[in-house]
Amino acid sequence: MPIKTADLTASSVADTTRHVVQEFLAARMAGDVERLVALFADDVDWLLAENPAVPWIRPRSTGAECAAQFTELAEHTVAEDARASVDTFLVDGTDAVLMGYLSGTVRATGKSFAGPFALRLTVEEGRITRHHLYENSVSIAEACTPS
């Protein structure tokens, strides 16, 4: 359920952003695609470096497409090897930036990937309208490429 941001102070806008991002992280960790769909806006500014070698990375623009990325990622990677840590969580008004480290193993090749990431999210009217992920795309593409 979207969180209403009308008539909020700058501090409460940041609080709403922080809350929605925390909900996003919780839904992501739980694999709750239905909740992820509800957290994304109908139209999303999605950015993730495209690479044809990586099956779960492609253009997306709707809430359902964005939420589906997490299901597709799970289908192509080994769950027991998936790791992500958030070292920094910054909020400024409607924008949030998460920085950390992620790693995993591609199911089809058995190869691992790892590296730092930065995720910029924008929350408007209680829903995520921007999802820009910057990660070690070379490591991920290499892990997806058969030997």
N, C-alpha and C. Protein backbone atom coordinates (compact mmCIF):
# COMPACT_ATOMS: atom_id res chain seq x y z
N MET A 1 0.84 -1.17 0.00
CA MET A 1 0.00 0.00 0.00
C MET A 1 0.89 1.24 0.00
N PRO A 2 0.71 2.15 -0.96
CA PRO A 2 1.52 3.35 -1.03
C PRO A 2 1.37 4.21 0.22
N ILE A 3 2.42 4.90 0.54
CA ILE A 3 2.41 5.81 1.68
C ILE A 3 2.17 7.21 1.14
N LYS A 4 1.19 7.92 1.67
CA LYS A 4 0.84 9.26 1.19
C LYS A 4 1.87 10.27 1.68
N THR A 5 2.31 11.16 0.76
CA THR A 5 3.32 12.14 1.13
C THR A 5 2.81 13.57 1.02
N ALA A 6 1.53 13.77 0.76
CA ALA A 6 0.99 15.11 0.65
C ALA A 6 1.12 15.85 1.97
N ASP A 7 1.45 17.13 1.87
CA ASP A 7 1.54 18.01 3.03
C ASP A 7 2.58 17.56 4.05
N LEU A 8 3.66 16.95 3.61
CA LEU A 8 4.69 16.50 4.53
C LEU A 8 5.83 17.51 4.57
N THR A 9 6.49 17.60 5.70
CA THR A 9 7.68 18.44 5.82
C THR A 9 8.84 17.73 5.15
N ALA A 10 9.94 18.46 4.95
CA ALA A 10 11.13 17.84 4.35
C ALA A 10 11.59 16.65 5.17
N SER A 11 11.52 16.78 6.49
CA SER A 11 11.94 15.69 7.37
C SER A 11 11.03 14.48 7.21
N SER A 12 9.72 14.71 7.13
CA SER A 12 8.81 13.58 7.00
C SER A 12 8.87 12.97 5.60
N VAL A 13 9.21 13.77 4.58
CA VAL A 13 9.42 13.21 3.24
C VAL A 13 10.59 12.24 3.29
N ALA A 14 11.68 12.65 3.92
CA ALA A 14 12.85 11.77 4.06
C ALA A 14 12.49 10.53 4.87
N ASP A 15 11.69 10.71 5.91
CA ASP A 15 11.27 9.55 6.72
C ASP A 15 10.44 8.57 5.88
N THR A 16 9.55 9.11 5.05
CA THR A 16 8.75 8.26 4.17
C THR A 16 9.64 7.52 3.18
N THR A 17 10.60 8.23 2.61
CA THR A 17 11.54 7.59 1.67
C THR A 17 12.28 6.46 2.36
N ARG A 18 12.80 6.75 3.54
CA ARG A 18 13.54 5.72 4.29
C ARG A 18 12.65 4.51 4.57
N HIS A 19 11.41 4.75 4.98
CA HIS A 19 10.48 3.66 5.30
C HIS A 19 10.19 2.81 4.05
N VAL A 20 9.91 3.45 2.92
CA VAL A 20 9.61 2.71 1.69
C VAL A 20 10.82 1.89 1.26
N VAL A 21 12.01 2.46 1.35
CA VAL A 21 13.22 1.72 0.97
C VAL A 21 13.44 0.54 1.91
N GLN A 22 13.18 0.72 3.20
CA GLN A 22 13.30 -0.40 4.13
C GLN A 22 12.28 -1.49 3.81
N GLU A 23 11.08 -1.09 3.43
CA GLU A 23 10.06 -2.06 3.01
C GLU A 23 10.51 -2.79 1.75
N PHE A 24 11.11 -2.05 0.82
CA PHE A 24 11.64 -2.64 -0.41
C PHE A 24 12.70 -3.69 -0.08
N LEU A 25 13.62 -3.35 0.80
CA LEU A 25 14.68 -4.30 1.17
C LEU A 25 14.10 -5.54 1.85
N ALA A 26 13.13 -5.34 2.73
CA ALA A 26 12.50 -6.47 3.43
C ALA A 26 11.77 -7.38 2.43
N ALA A 27 11.03 -6.78 1.50
CA ALA A 27 10.31 -7.57 0.49
C ALA A 27 11.29 -8.30 -0.41
N ARG A 28 12.37 -7.64 -0.75
CA ARG A 28 13.41 -8.24 -1.59
C ARG A 28 14.03 -9.45 -0.90
N MET A 29 14.36 -9.30 0.37
CA MET A 29 14.97 -10.40 1.13
C MET A 29 14.00 -11.57 1.30
N ALA A 30 12.71 -11.25 1.43
CA ALA A 30 11.69 -12.29 1.62
C ALA A 30 11.25 -12.91 0.29
N GLY A 31 11.66 -12.32 -0.82
CA GLY A 31 11.20 -12.82 -2.12
C GLY A 31 9.72 -12.55 -2.36
N ASP A 32 9.20 -11.50 -1.73
CA ASP A 32 7.78 -11.16 -1.81
C ASP A 32 7.52 -10.29 -3.04
N VAL A 33 7.31 -10.94 -4.18
CA VAL A 33 7.14 -10.23 -5.45
C VAL A 33 5.87 -9.38 -5.43
N GLU A 34 4.82 -9.88 -4.83
CA GLU A 34 3.56 -9.11 -4.75
C GLU A 34 3.79 -7.78 -4.03
N ARG A 35 4.52 -7.82 -2.94
CA ARG A 35 4.83 -6.60 -2.19
C ARG A 35 5.74 -5.68 -3.01
N LEU A 36 6.70 -6.25 -3.73
CA LEU A 36 7.57 -5.44 -4.58
C LEU A 36 6.77 -4.72 -5.65
N VAL A 37 5.83 -5.43 -6.28
CA VAL A 37 4.99 -4.80 -7.30
C VAL A 37 4.25 -3.61 -6.69
N ALA A 38 3.73 -3.76 -5.48
CA ALA A 38 3.00 -2.68 -4.82
C ALA A 38 3.91 -1.50 -4.48
N LEU A 39 5.17 -1.77 -4.20
CA LEU A 39 6.10 -0.69 -3.84
C LEU A 39 6.59 0.10 -5.04
N PHE A 40 6.63 -0.53 -6.21
CA PHE A 40 7.04 0.18 -7.42
C PHE A 40 5.86 0.96 -7.98
N ALA A 41 6.14 2.13 -8.54
CA ALA A 41 5.12 2.92 -9.22
C ALA A 41 4.71 2.21 -10.51
N ASP A 42 3.64 2.68 -11.11
CA ASP A 42 3.19 2.08 -12.37
C ASP A 42 4.24 2.25 -13.47
N ASP A 43 4.89 3.42 -13.48
CA ASP A 43 5.97 3.70 -14.43
C ASP A 43 7.24 3.96 -13.64
N VAL A 44 8.31 3.25 -13.99
CA VAL A 44 9.57 3.33 -13.23
C VAL A 44 10.71 3.69 -14.17
N ASP A 45 11.55 4.61 -13.72
CA ASP A 45 12.79 4.94 -14.42
C ASP A 45 13.82 3.91 -13.96
N TRP A 46 14.01 2.86 -14.75
CA TRP A 46 14.86 1.72 -14.41
C TRP A 46 16.17 1.82 -15.18
N LEU A 47 17.29 1.70 -14.49
CA LEU A 47 18.58 1.72 -15.16
C LEU A 47 19.46 0.62 -14.58
N LEU A 48 19.93 -0.23 -15.46
CA LEU A 48 20.85 -1.30 -15.11
C LEU A 48 21.60 -1.62 -16.39
N ALA A 49 22.91 -1.57 -16.36
CA ALA A 49 23.72 -1.74 -17.58
C ALA A 49 23.34 -3.04 -18.29
N GLU A 50 22.86 -2.90 -19.51
CA GLU A 50 22.45 -4.08 -20.28
C GLU A 50 23.65 -4.89 -20.73
N ASN A 51 23.47 -6.19 -20.74
CA ASN A 51 24.49 -7.09 -21.28
C ASN A 51 23.77 -8.34 -21.75
N PRO A 52 23.87 -8.69 -23.03
CA PRO A 52 23.15 -9.86 -23.54
C PRO A 52 23.56 -11.17 -22.89
N ALA A 53 24.71 -11.21 -22.24
CA ALA A 53 25.16 -12.44 -21.57
C ALA A 53 24.43 -12.67 -20.26
N VAL A 54 23.78 -11.63 -19.72
CA VAL A 54 23.14 -11.72 -18.41
C VAL A 54 21.63 -11.81 -18.60
N PRO A 55 21.03 -12.99 -18.38
CA PRO A 55 19.62 -13.20 -18.71
C PRO A 55 18.62 -12.39 -17.88
N TRP A 56 18.96 -11.95 -16.70
CA TRP A 56 18.00 -11.23 -15.86
C TRP A 56 18.11 -9.72 -16.02
N ILE A 57 19.07 -9.26 -16.81
CA ILE A 57 19.23 -7.81 -17.01
C ILE A 57 18.68 -7.44 -18.38
N ARG A 58 17.63 -6.62 -18.36
CA ARG A 58 17.00 -6.12 -19.58
C ARG A 58 16.23 -4.85 -19.24
N PRO A 59 15.82 -4.10 -20.24
CA PRO A 59 15.05 -2.89 -19.95
C PRO A 59 13.73 -3.23 -19.25
N ARG A 60 13.35 -2.39 -18.33
CA ARG A 60 12.09 -2.55 -17.60
C ARG A 60 11.50 -1.17 -17.36
N SER A 61 10.19 -1.08 -17.24
CA SER A 61 9.60 0.23 -16.99
C SER A 61 8.33 0.19 -16.15
N THR A 62 7.74 -0.97 -15.95
CA THR A 62 6.54 -1.06 -15.12
C THR A 62 6.88 -1.68 -13.77
N GLY A 63 6.04 -1.46 -12.81
CA GLY A 63 6.25 -2.05 -11.50
C GLY A 63 6.34 -3.56 -11.56
N ALA A 64 5.48 -4.19 -12.34
CA ALA A 64 5.49 -5.65 -12.46
C ALA A 64 6.79 -6.14 -13.10
N GLU A 65 7.26 -5.44 -14.14
CA GLU A 65 8.53 -5.82 -14.78
C GLU A 65 9.70 -5.68 -13.81
N CYS A 66 9.69 -4.60 -13.04
CA CYS A 66 10.78 -4.36 -12.09
C CYS A 66 10.79 -5.44 -11.01
N ALA A 67 9.63 -5.77 -10.48
CA ALA A 67 9.55 -6.80 -9.45
C ALA A 67 9.96 -8.16 -10.02
N ALA A 68 9.64 -8.41 -11.28
CA ALA A 68 9.98 -9.69 -11.91
C ALA A 68 11.48 -9.89 -12.02
N GLN A 69 12.25 -8.82 -12.03
CA GLN A 69 13.71 -8.94 -12.11
C GLN A 69 14.24 -9.77 -10.96
N PHE A 70 13.66 -9.62 -9.81
CA PHE A 70 14.14 -10.34 -8.63
C PHE A 70 13.84 -11.84 -8.73
N THR A 71 12.69 -12.19 -9.32
CA THR A 71 12.36 -13.59 -9.56
C THR A 71 13.32 -14.19 -10.60
N GLU A 72 13.56 -13.44 -11.66
CA GLU A 72 14.47 -13.90 -12.72
C GLU A 72 15.89 -14.07 -12.19
N LEU A 73 16.33 -13.16 -11.36
CA LEU A 73 17.66 -13.28 -10.74
C LEU A 73 17.74 -14.57 -9.93
N ALA A 74 16.70 -14.85 -9.15
CA ALA A 74 16.68 -16.06 -8.33
C ALA A 74 16.69 -17.33 -9.19
N GLU A 75 16.03 -17.30 -10.33
CA GLU A 75 15.99 -18.46 -11.22
C GLU A 75 17.36 -18.78 -11.82
N HIS A 76 18.19 -17.76 -12.00
CA HIS A 76 19.47 -17.93 -12.68
C HIS A 76 20.68 -17.99 -11.76
N THR A 77 20.46 -17.84 -10.46
CA THR A 77 21.59 -17.87 -9.52
C THR A 77 21.34 -18.89 -8.42
N VAL A 78 22.40 -19.26 -7.73
CA VAL A 78 22.33 -20.24 -6.65
C VAL A 78 22.00 -19.49 -5.36
N ALA A 79 20.82 -19.75 -4.81
CA ALA A 79 20.34 -19.01 -3.64
C ALA A 79 21.31 -19.09 -2.46
N GLU A 80 21.88 -20.25 -2.23
CA GLU A 80 22.77 -20.44 -1.08
C GLU A 80 24.05 -19.61 -1.18
N ASP A 81 24.41 -19.21 -2.39
CA ASP A 81 25.63 -18.43 -2.59
C ASP A 81 25.39 -16.92 -2.67
N ALA A 82 24.13 -16.52 -2.68
CA ALA A 82 23.80 -15.10 -2.83
C ALA A 82 24.12 -14.33 -1.55
N ARG A 83 24.83 -13.24 -1.70
CA ARG A 83 25.18 -12.38 -0.56
C ARG A 83 25.04 -10.93 -0.98
N ALA A 84 24.56 -10.12 -0.07
CA ALA A 84 24.52 -8.68 -0.28
C ALA A 84 24.61 -8.00 1.08
N SER A 85 25.43 -6.99 1.14
CA SER A 85 25.52 -6.20 2.37
C SER A 85 25.38 -4.74 2.01
N VAL A 86 24.68 -4.01 2.84
CA VAL A 86 24.51 -2.58 2.66
C VAL A 86 25.37 -1.90 3.72
N ASP A 87 26.37 -1.16 3.26
CA ASP A 87 27.27 -0.47 4.16
C ASP A 87 26.85 0.98 4.40
N THR A 88 26.15 1.56 3.43
CA THR A 88 25.75 2.96 3.50
C THR A 88 24.31 3.08 3.03
N PHE A 89 23.52 3.87 3.76
CA PHE A 89 22.12 4.11 3.42
C PHE A 89 21.88 5.60 3.64
N LEU A 90 21.86 6.36 2.54
CA LEU A 90 21.70 7.81 2.60
C LEU A 90 20.32 8.20 2.08
N VAL A 91 19.70 9.17 2.74
CA VAL A 91 18.40 9.66 2.30
C VAL A 91 18.44 11.18 2.26
N ASP A 92 17.95 11.73 1.15
CA ASP A 92 17.83 13.18 0.98
C ASP A 92 16.50 13.44 0.29
N GLY A 93 15.50 13.79 1.07
CA GLY A 93 14.18 14.03 0.51
C GLY A 93 13.60 12.77 -0.09
N THR A 94 13.31 12.83 -1.38
CA THR A 94 12.70 11.68 -2.06
C THR A 94 13.73 10.68 -2.57
N ASP A 95 15.01 11.01 -2.45
CA ASP A 95 16.07 10.14 -2.97
C ASP A 95 16.77 9.36 -1.87
N ALA A 96 17.12 8.12 -2.19
CA ALA A 96 17.90 7.26 -1.29
C ALA A 96 19.01 6.62 -2.11
N VAL A 97 20.17 6.47 -1.48
CA VAL A 97 21.29 5.78 -2.11
C VAL A 97 21.79 4.72 -1.14
N LEU A 98 21.88 3.51 -1.65
CA LEU A 98 22.42 2.39 -0.88
C LEU A 98 23.74 1.99 -1.53
N MET A 99 24.75 1.76 -0.72
CA MET A 99 26.03 1.28 -1.24
C MET A 99 26.44 0.07 -0.44
N GLY A 100 27.06 -0.88 -1.12
CA GLY A 100 27.46 -2.09 -0.43
C GLY A 100 28.22 -3.02 -1.34
N TYR A 101 28.08 -4.30 -1.06
CA TYR A 101 28.82 -5.34 -1.77
C TYR A 101 27.88 -6.50 -2.05
N LEU A 102 27.98 -7.08 -3.23
CA LEU A 102 27.14 -8.22 -3.55
C LEU A 102 27.98 -9.30 -4.22
N SER A 103 27.49 -10.53 -4.09
CA SER A 103 28.17 -11.66 -4.73
C SER A 103 27.15 -12.77 -4.96
N GLY A 104 27.50 -13.67 -5.85
CA GLY A 104 26.63 -14.79 -6.13
C GLY A 104 27.27 -15.74 -7.12
N THR A 105 26.53 -16.78 -7.45
CA THR A 105 26.98 -17.79 -8.40
C THR A 105 25.89 -18.01 -9.43
N VAL A 106 26.28 -18.04 -10.69
CA VAL A 106 25.34 -18.28 -11.79
C VAL A 106 25.09 -19.78 -11.89
N ARG A 107 23.83 -20.15 -11.84
CA ARG A 107 23.44 -21.57 -11.85
C ARG A 107 23.94 -22.31 -13.11
N ALA A 108 23.79 -21.73 -14.28
CA ALA A 108 24.11 -22.41 -15.53
C ALA A 108 25.60 -22.67 -15.73
N THR A 109 26.45 -21.80 -15.18
CA THR A 109 27.90 -21.94 -15.41
C THR A 109 28.67 -22.37 -14.18
N GLY A 110 28.08 -22.18 -13.00
CA GLY A 110 28.80 -22.47 -11.76
C GLY A 110 29.84 -21.41 -11.42
N LYS A 111 29.89 -20.34 -12.21
CA LYS A 111 30.87 -19.27 -11.98
C LYS A 111 30.31 -18.23 -11.01
N SER A 112 31.22 -17.64 -10.25
CA SER A 112 30.83 -16.63 -9.26
C SER A 112 31.10 -15.22 -9.77
N PHE A 113 30.37 -14.28 -9.20
CA PHE A 113 30.59 -12.86 -9.45
C PHE A 113 30.60 -12.14 -8.11
N ALA A 114 31.22 -10.98 -8.07
CA ALA A 114 31.28 -10.21 -6.83
C ALA A 114 31.70 -8.79 -7.15
N GLY A 115 31.33 -7.88 -6.26
CA GLY A 115 31.78 -6.51 -6.42
C GLY A 115 30.90 -5.53 -5.66
N PRO A 116 31.35 -4.29 -5.62
CA PRO A 116 30.57 -3.25 -4.96
C PRO A 116 29.36 -2.86 -5.80
N PHE A 117 28.38 -2.24 -5.15
CA PHE A 117 27.22 -1.73 -5.87
C PHE A 117 26.79 -0.41 -5.25
N ALA A 118 26.06 0.36 -6.04
CA ALA A 118 25.36 1.55 -5.56
C ALA A 118 23.97 1.50 -6.18
N LEU A 119 22.97 1.75 -5.37
CA LEU A 119 21.58 1.73 -5.83
C LEU A 119 20.94 3.06 -5.48
N ARG A 120 20.46 3.77 -6.49
CA ARG A 120 19.74 5.02 -6.26
C ARG A 120 18.26 4.76 -6.47
N LEU A 121 17.48 5.05 -5.45
CA LEU A 121 16.03 4.91 -5.51
C LEU A 121 15.39 6.27 -5.28
N THR A 122 14.30 6.54 -5.96
CA THR A 122 13.51 7.73 -5.71
C THR A 122 12.11 7.27 -5.32
N VAL A 123 11.58 7.87 -4.27
CA VAL A 123 10.24 7.53 -3.77
C VAL A 123 9.36 8.77 -3.90
N GLU A 124 8.27 8.62 -4.64
CA GLU A 124 7.31 9.69 -4.80
C GLU A 124 5.92 9.14 -4.52
N GLU A 125 5.17 9.88 -3.70
CA GLU A 125 3.82 9.45 -3.31
C GLU A 125 3.82 8.03 -2.77
N GLY A 126 4.88 7.69 -2.03
CA GLY A 126 4.94 6.41 -1.35
C GLY A 126 5.34 5.22 -2.20
N ARG A 127 5.76 5.48 -3.45
CA ARG A 127 6.14 4.38 -4.34
C ARG A 127 7.47 4.68 -5.02
N ILE A 128 8.18 3.63 -5.39
CA ILE A 128 9.49 3.77 -6.01
C ILE A 128 9.31 4.13 -7.49
N THR A 129 9.84 5.30 -7.86
CA THR A 129 9.72 5.77 -9.25
C THR A 129 11.04 5.69 -10.00
N ARG A 130 12.14 5.54 -9.28
CA ARG A 130 13.46 5.40 -9.92
C ARG A 130 14.22 4.28 -9.24
N HIS A 131 14.85 3.44 -10.08
CA HIS A 131 15.69 2.33 -9.60
C HIS A 131 16.90 2.29 -10.52
N HIS A 132 18.00 2.89 -10.10
CA HIS A 132 19.24 2.90 -10.88
C HIS A 132 20.27 2.10 -10.11
N LEU A 133 20.71 0.99 -10.68
CA LEU A 133 21.68 0.11 -10.03
C LEU A 133 22.99 0.15 -10.79
N TYR A 134 24.06 0.41 -10.05
CA TYR A 134 25.41 0.42 -10.60
C TYR A 134 26.17 -0.70 -9.90
N GLU A 135 26.66 -1.66 -10.68
CA GLU A 135 27.31 -2.83 -10.11
C GLU A 135 28.46 -3.26 -11.00
N ASN A 136 29.17 -4.29 -10.58
CA ASN A 136 30.30 -4.81 -11.35
C ASN A 136 29.76 -5.67 -12.49
N SER A 137 29.28 -5.00 -13.53
CA SER A 137 28.64 -5.71 -14.64
C SER A 137 29.61 -6.61 -15.40
N VAL A 138 30.89 -6.28 -15.41
CA VAL A 138 31.88 -7.13 -16.08
C VAL A 138 31.98 -8.48 -15.37
N SER A 139 32.06 -8.45 -14.04
CA SER A 139 32.14 -9.69 -13.26
C SER A 139 30.89 -10.55 -13.46
N ILE A 140 29.73 -9.91 -13.49
CA ILE A 140 28.48 -10.65 -13.68
C ILE A 140 28.41 -11.25 -15.08
N ALA A 141 28.78 -10.48 -16.10
CA ALA A 141 28.77 -10.99 -17.47
C ALA A 141 29.75 -12.15 -17.63
N GLU A 142 30.93 -12.04 -17.03
CA GLU A 142 31.90 -13.13 -17.11
C GLU A 142 31.36 -14.40 -16.44
N ALA A 143 30.66 -14.22 -15.32
CA ALA A 143 30.09 -15.38 -14.62
C ALA A 143 28.98 -16.04 -15.44
N CYS A 144 28.30 -15.27 -16.28
CA CYS A 144 27.22 -15.81 -17.10
C CYS A 144 27.72 -16.44 -18.40
N THR A 145 28.96 -16.20 -18.74
CA THR A 145 29.52 -16.70 -20.01
C THR A 145 30.15 -18.07 -19.81
N PRO A 146 29.66 -19.07 -20.55
CA PRO A 146 30.25 -20.41 -20.43
C PRO A 146 31.73 -20.40 -20.82
N SER A 147 32.49 -21.29 -20.23
CA SER A 147 33.94 -21.37 -20.52
C SER A 147 34.20 -21.86 -21.92
